C-alpha atoms as a PDB file:
ATOM      1  CA  MET A   1    -200.456 -35.128 114.212  1.00  0.00           C
ATOM      2  CA  ALA A   2    -201.108 -36.235 117.706  1.00  0.00           C
ATOM      3  CA  LYS A   3    -202.115 -33.509 120.127  1.00  0.00           C
ATOM      4  CA  ILE A   4    -201.319 -34.384 123.745  1.00  0.00           C
ATOM      5  CA  GLU A   5    -202.277 -32.240 126.718  1.00  0.00           C
ATOM      6  CA  GLY A   6    -203.497 -32.513 130.133  1.00  0.00           C
ATOM      7  CA  THR A   7    -207.179 -31.755 131.281  1.00  0.00           C
ATOM      8  CA  PHE A   8    -208.833 -31.144 134.433  1.00  0.00           C
ATOM      9  CA  GLU A   9    -211.761 -33.385 133.796  1.00  0.00           C
ATOM     10  CA  ASN A  10    -210.655 -36.687 135.488  1.00  0.00           C
ATOM     11  CA  SER A  11    -208.586 -35.173 138.321  1.00  0.00           C
ATOM     12  CA  SER A  12    -210.730 -36.495 141.219  1.00  0.00           C
ATOM     13  CA  SER A  13    -208.951 -39.900 140.819  1.00  0.00           C
ATOM     14  CA  PHE A  14    -205.386 -38.503 141.423  1.00  0.00           C
ATOM     15  CA  ARG A  15    -203.245 -39.211 144.473  1.00  0.00           C
ATOM     16  CA  VAL A  16    -201.126 -36.109 145.376  1.00  0.00           C
ATOM     17  CA  ALA A  17    -198.353 -35.532 147.813  1.00  0.00           C
ATOM     18  CA  ILE A  18    -197.544 -32.068 149.027  1.00  0.00           C
ATOM     19  CA  VAL A  19    -194.033 -31.325 150.585  1.00  0.00           C
ATOM     20  CA  ILE A  20    -194.093 -28.009 152.441  1.00  0.00           C
ATOM     21  CA  ALA A  21    -191.547 -25.916 154.162  1.00  0.00           C
ATOM     22  CA  ARG A  22    -191.900 -24.595 157.734  1.00  0.00           C
ATOM     23  CA  PHE A  23    -189.447 -21.942 157.251  1.00  0.00           C
ATOM     24  CA  ASN A  24    -191.434 -18.765 156.354  1.00  0.00           C
ATOM     25  CA  ASP A  25    -194.614 -20.617 157.447  1.00  0.00           C
ATOM     26  CA  LEU A  26    -196.478 -17.309 157.350  1.00  0.00           C
ATOM     27  CA  ILE A  27    -196.221 -17.511 153.546  1.00  0.00           C
ATOM     28  CA  THR A  28    -195.993 -21.393 153.029  1.00  0.00           C
ATOM     29  CA  SER A  29    -199.227 -22.045 154.964  1.00  0.00           C
ATOM     30  CA  LYS A  30    -201.073 -19.452 152.780  1.00  0.00           C
ATOM     31  CA  LEU A  31    -199.842 -21.275 149.648  1.00  0.00           C
ATOM     32  CA  LEU A  32    -200.993 -24.476 151.168  1.00  0.00           C
ATOM     33  CA  SER A  33    -204.361 -23.087 151.745  1.00  0.00           C
ATOM     34  CA  GLY A  34    -204.565 -21.953 148.300  1.00  0.00           C
ATOM     35  CA  CYS A  35    -203.309 -25.337 146.936  1.00  0.00           C
ATOM     36  CA  LEU A  36    -205.901 -27.239 148.918  1.00  0.00           C
ATOM     37  CA  ASP A  37    -208.786 -24.981 147.841  1.00  0.00           C
ATOM     38  CA  CYS A  38    -207.747 -25.675 144.217  1.00  0.00           C
ATOM     39  CA  LEU A  39    -207.381 -29.464 144.595  1.00  0.00           C
ATOM     40  CA  SER A  40    -210.731 -29.755 146.547  1.00  0.00           C
ATOM     41  CA  ARG A  41    -212.486 -27.701 143.921  1.00  0.00           C
ATOM     42  CA  HIS A  42    -211.203 -30.118 141.256  1.00  0.00           C
ATOM     43  CA  GLY A  43    -212.543 -33.211 143.232  1.00  0.00           C
ATOM     44  CA  ILE A  44    -209.373 -34.110 145.374  1.00  0.00           C
ATOM     45  CA  ASP A  45    -210.575 -35.073 148.842  1.00  0.00           C
ATOM     46  CA  VAL A  46    -208.442 -32.865 151.220  1.00  0.00           C
ATOM     47  CA  ASN A  47    -209.798 -33.876 154.338  1.00  0.00           C
ATOM     48  CA  GLU A  48    -207.631 -35.331 157.282  1.00  0.00           C
ATOM     49  CA  SER A  49    -208.876 -38.883 156.527  1.00  0.00           C
ATOM     50  CA  SER A  50    -208.200 -38.568 152.763  1.00  0.00           C
ATOM     51  CA  ASN A  51    -206.528 -41.370 150.929  1.00  0.00           C
ATOM     52  CA  GLN A  52    -205.810 -39.118 148.015  1.00  0.00           C
ATOM     53  CA  LEU A  53    -203.551 -36.613 149.620  1.00  0.00           C
ATOM     54  CA  ASP A  54    -200.547 -36.718 151.923  1.00  0.00           C
ATOM     55  CA  ILE A  55    -198.680 -33.572 153.383  1.00  0.00           C
ATOM     56  CA  ALA A  56    -195.170 -33.792 154.560  1.00  0.00           C
ATOM     57  CA  TRP A  57    -193.681 -30.948 156.300  1.00  0.00           C
ATOM     58  CA  VAL A  58    -189.873 -30.322 156.201  1.00  0.00           C
ATOM     59  CA  PRO A  59    -187.666 -27.774 157.824  1.00  0.00           C
ATOM     60  CA  GLY A  60    -186.850 -25.628 154.724  1.00  0.00           C
ATOM     61  CA  SER A  61    -186.803 -25.387 151.203  1.00  0.00           C
ATOM     62  CA  PHE A  62    -183.435 -27.048 150.986  1.00  0.00           C
ATOM     63  CA  GLU A  63    -184.994 -30.189 152.257  1.00  0.00           C
ATOM     64  CA  LEU A  64    -187.955 -30.323 149.760  1.00  0.00           C
ATOM     65  CA  PRO A  65    -185.862 -32.726 147.287  1.00  0.00           C
ATOM     66  CA  ILE A  66    -185.090 -35.467 149.388  1.00  0.00           C
ATOM     67  CA  ILE A  67    -188.606 -35.943 150.750  1.00  0.00           C
ATOM     68  CA  SER A  68    -189.982 -35.411 147.266  1.00  0.00           C
ATOM     69  CA  GLN A  69    -187.602 -38.218 146.075  1.00  0.00           C
ATOM     70  CA  GLU A  70    -188.863 -40.543 148.805  1.00  0.00           C
ATOM     71  CA  LEU A  71    -192.512 -39.797 148.206  1.00  0.00           C
ATOM     72  CA  ALA A  72    -192.139 -40.183 144.311  1.00  0.00           C
ATOM     73  CA  ARG A  73    -190.159 -43.538 144.616  1.00  0.00           C
ATOM     74  CA  LYS A  74    -193.137 -44.999 146.702  1.00  0.00           C
ATOM     75  CA  GLY A  75    -195.054 -45.244 143.296  1.00  0.00           C
ATOM     76  CA  LYS A  76    -198.295 -44.210 144.871  1.00  0.00           C
ATOM     77  CA  TYR A  77    -198.489 -40.640 143.747  1.00  0.00           C
ATOM     78  CA  ASP A  78    -199.607 -39.285 140.327  1.00  0.00           C
ATOM     79  CA  VAL A  79    -197.846 -35.722 141.179  1.00  0.00           C
ATOM     80  CA  VAL A  80    -195.987 -34.202 144.065  1.00  0.00           C
ATOM     81  CA  ILE A  81    -196.247 -30.450 144.757  1.00  0.00           C
ATOM     82  CA  THR A  82    -193.485 -28.584 146.581  1.00  0.00           C
ATOM     83  CA  LEU A  83    -194.204 -25.382 148.587  1.00  0.00           C
ATOM     84  CA  GLY A  84    -191.711 -23.119 149.936  1.00  0.00           C
ATOM     85  CA  ALA A  85    -190.568 -19.440 150.310  1.00  0.00           C
ATOM     86  CA  VAL A  86    -187.059 -18.130 149.988  1.00  0.00           C
ATOM     87  CA  ILE A  87    -186.851 -14.407 150.772  1.00  0.00           C
ATOM     88  CA  ARG A  88    -183.552 -12.677 149.736  1.00  0.00           C
ATOM     89  CA  GLY A  89    -181.504 -11.412 152.719  1.00  0.00           C
ATOM     90  CA  ASP A  90    -177.920  -9.772 153.220  1.00  0.00           C
ATOM     91  CA  THR A  91    -175.884 -12.966 152.572  1.00  0.00           C
ATOM     92  CA  PRO A  92    -175.521 -15.329 149.565  1.00  0.00           C
ATOM     93  CA  HIS A  93    -177.645 -18.142 151.564  1.00  0.00           C
ATOM     94  CA  PHE A  94    -180.641 -17.127 149.335  1.00  0.00           C
ATOM     95  CA  ASP A  95    -178.821 -18.034 146.005  1.00  0.00           C
ATOM     96  CA  VAL A  96    -177.637 -21.403 147.592  1.00  0.00           C
ATOM     97  CA  VAL A  97    -180.926 -22.566 148.794  1.00  0.00           C
ATOM     98  CA  VAL A  98    -182.908 -21.506 145.593  1.00  0.00           C
ATOM     99  CA  SER A  99    -180.346 -23.041 143.301  1.00  0.00           C
ATOM    100  CA  GLU A 100    -180.105 -26.430 145.374  1.00  0.00           C
ATOM    101  CA  ALA A 101    -183.905 -26.651 145.824  1.00  0.00           C
ATOM    102  CA  SER A 102    -184.781 -26.051 142.113  1.00  0.00           C
ATOM    103  CA  LYS A 103    -181.997 -28.332 140.809  1.00  0.00           C
ATOM    104  CA  GLY A 104    -183.025 -30.937 143.319  1.00  0.00           C
ATOM    105  CA  VAL A 105    -186.707 -30.953 142.536  1.00  0.00           C
ATOM    106  CA  ALA A 106    -186.014 -31.008 138.657  1.00  0.00           C
ATOM    107  CA  THR A 107    -183.474 -34.062 139.187  1.00  0.00           C
ATOM    108  CA  VAL A 108    -186.019 -36.101 141.303  1.00  0.00           C
ATOM    109  CA  SER A 109    -188.701 -35.309 138.701  1.00  0.00           C
ATOM    110  CA  ARG A 110    -186.453 -36.746 135.723  1.00  0.00           C
ATOM    111  CA  GLU A 111    -185.159 -39.498 137.827  1.00  0.00           C
ATOM    112  CA  THR A 112    -188.410 -40.913 139.008  1.00  0.00           C
ATOM    113  CA  GLY A 113    -190.817 -39.881 136.201  1.00  0.00           C
ATOM    114  CA  VAL A 114    -193.112 -38.401 138.545  1.00  0.00           C
ATOM    115  CA  PRO A 115    -194.091 -34.723 137.933  1.00  0.00           C
ATOM    116  CA  ILE A 116    -192.728 -32.492 140.739  1.00  0.00           C
ATOM    117  CA  ILE A 117    -194.203 -29.075 140.881  1.00  0.00           C
ATOM    118  CA  PHE A 118    -191.681 -26.432 141.985  1.00  0.00           C
ATOM    119  CA  GLY A 119    -193.903 -24.249 144.091  1.00  0.00           C
ATOM    120  CA  VAL A 120    -191.223 -22.271 145.789  1.00  0.00           C
ATOM    121  CA  LEU A 121    -191.532 -18.376 145.935  1.00  0.00           C
ATOM    122  CA  THR A 122    -188.134 -16.826 145.445  1.00  0.00           C
ATOM    123  CA  THR A 123    -188.745 -13.015 146.270  1.00  0.00           C
ATOM    124  CA  ASP A 124    -186.742 -10.204 147.348  1.00  0.00           C
ATOM    125  CA  THR A 125    -188.926  -8.924 150.069  1.00  0.00           C
ATOM    126  CA  MET A 126    -191.481 -10.352 152.558  1.00  0.00           C
ATOM    127  CA  GLN A 127    -194.055  -7.853 150.940  1.00  0.00           C
ATOM    128  CA  GLN A 128    -193.488  -9.586 147.572  1.00  0.00           C
ATOM    129  CA  ALA A 129    -193.944 -13.026 149.063  1.00  0.00           C
ATOM    130  CA  LEU A 130    -197.130 -12.083 150.912  1.00  0.00           C
ATOM    131  CA  GLU A 131    -198.412 -10.762 147.392  1.00  0.00           C
ATOM    132  CA  ARG A 132    -197.780 -14.053 145.807  1.00  0.00           C
ATOM    133  CA  ALA A 133    -199.359 -15.986 148.734  1.00  0.00           C
ATOM    134  CA  GLY A 134    -202.772 -14.409 148.718  1.00  0.00           C
ATOM    135  CA  ILE A 135    -202.823 -10.537 149.014  1.00  0.00           C
ATOM    136  CA  LYS A 136    -203.001 -10.119 145.385  1.00  0.00           C
ATOM    137  CA  ASN A 137    -202.903 -13.664 144.122  1.00  0.00           C
ATOM    138  CA  ASN A 138    -202.439 -17.019 145.674  1.00  0.00           C
ATOM    139  CA  LEU A 139    -199.867 -18.990 143.634  1.00  0.00           C
ATOM    140  CA  GLY A 140    -200.799 -22.004 145.814  1.00  0.00           C
ATOM    141  CA  TRP A 141    -203.805 -22.310 143.600  1.00  0.00           C
ATOM    142  CA  SER A 142    -201.740 -22.198 140.384  1.00  0.00           C
ATOM    143  CA  TYR A 143    -199.334 -24.823 141.708  1.00  0.00           C
ATOM    144  CA  ALA A 144    -202.125 -27.168 142.318  1.00  0.00           C
ATOM    145  CA  LEU A 145    -203.588 -26.539 138.808  1.00  0.00           C
ATOM    146  CA  GLN A 146    -200.101 -27.365 137.315  1.00  0.00           C
ATOM    147  CA  ALA A 147    -200.124 -30.485 139.445  1.00  0.00           C
ATOM    148  CA  LEU A 148    -203.411 -31.723 138.057  1.00  0.00           C
ATOM    149  CA  GLU A 149    -202.546 -30.620 134.514  1.00  0.00           C
ATOM    150  CA  MET A 150    -199.179 -32.673 134.690  1.00  0.00           C
ATOM    151  CA  ALA A 151    -200.794 -35.649 136.239  1.00  0.00           C
ATOM    152  CA  SER A 152    -203.331 -35.775 133.548  1.00  0.00           C
ATOM    153  CA  LEU A 153    -200.746 -35.406 130.780  1.00  0.00           C
ATOM    154  CA  MET A 154    -198.504 -38.117 132.212  1.00  0.00           C
ATOM    155  CA  ASN A 155    -201.724 -40.383 132.274  1.00  0.00           C
ATOM    156  CA  ALA A 156    -202.460 -39.379 128.484  1.00  0.00           C
ATOM    157  CA  MET A 157    -198.737 -40.295 127.700  1.00  0.00           C
ATOM    158  CA  SER A 158    -199.182 -43.765 129.060  1.00  0.00           C
END
């Protein structure tokens, strides 16, 4: 029986792209900070002059899939991380954005073979979003860990 799993030992050689939504940037910027902290602690150069990391800003979470697709198709990234925050309001807009963003990201990952991490918070309130972006726990860190594990796992599969 073969046991195949990702590790965090050789992550310093990975190329990572982050696609981040500007909408709810109070939340997404905190997710980005957590994400960058994790990547840095695992050997990824996160400085402005880095050749291991690219960050693309999009207007909102609905636009995450199209830019993730463009980056994944370039063939230069081991993994793409999407970061966004969709907070429920009084209209069905929340459901549409969450549904299309999640389906779009999943489709891009399957079609390109590049792992795309779905780092979009979907919460009922701003307080819940703030708690997940750093007050209690910064999920940006977790999304980065998932990215490193998936990049490692995909390398192990080839």
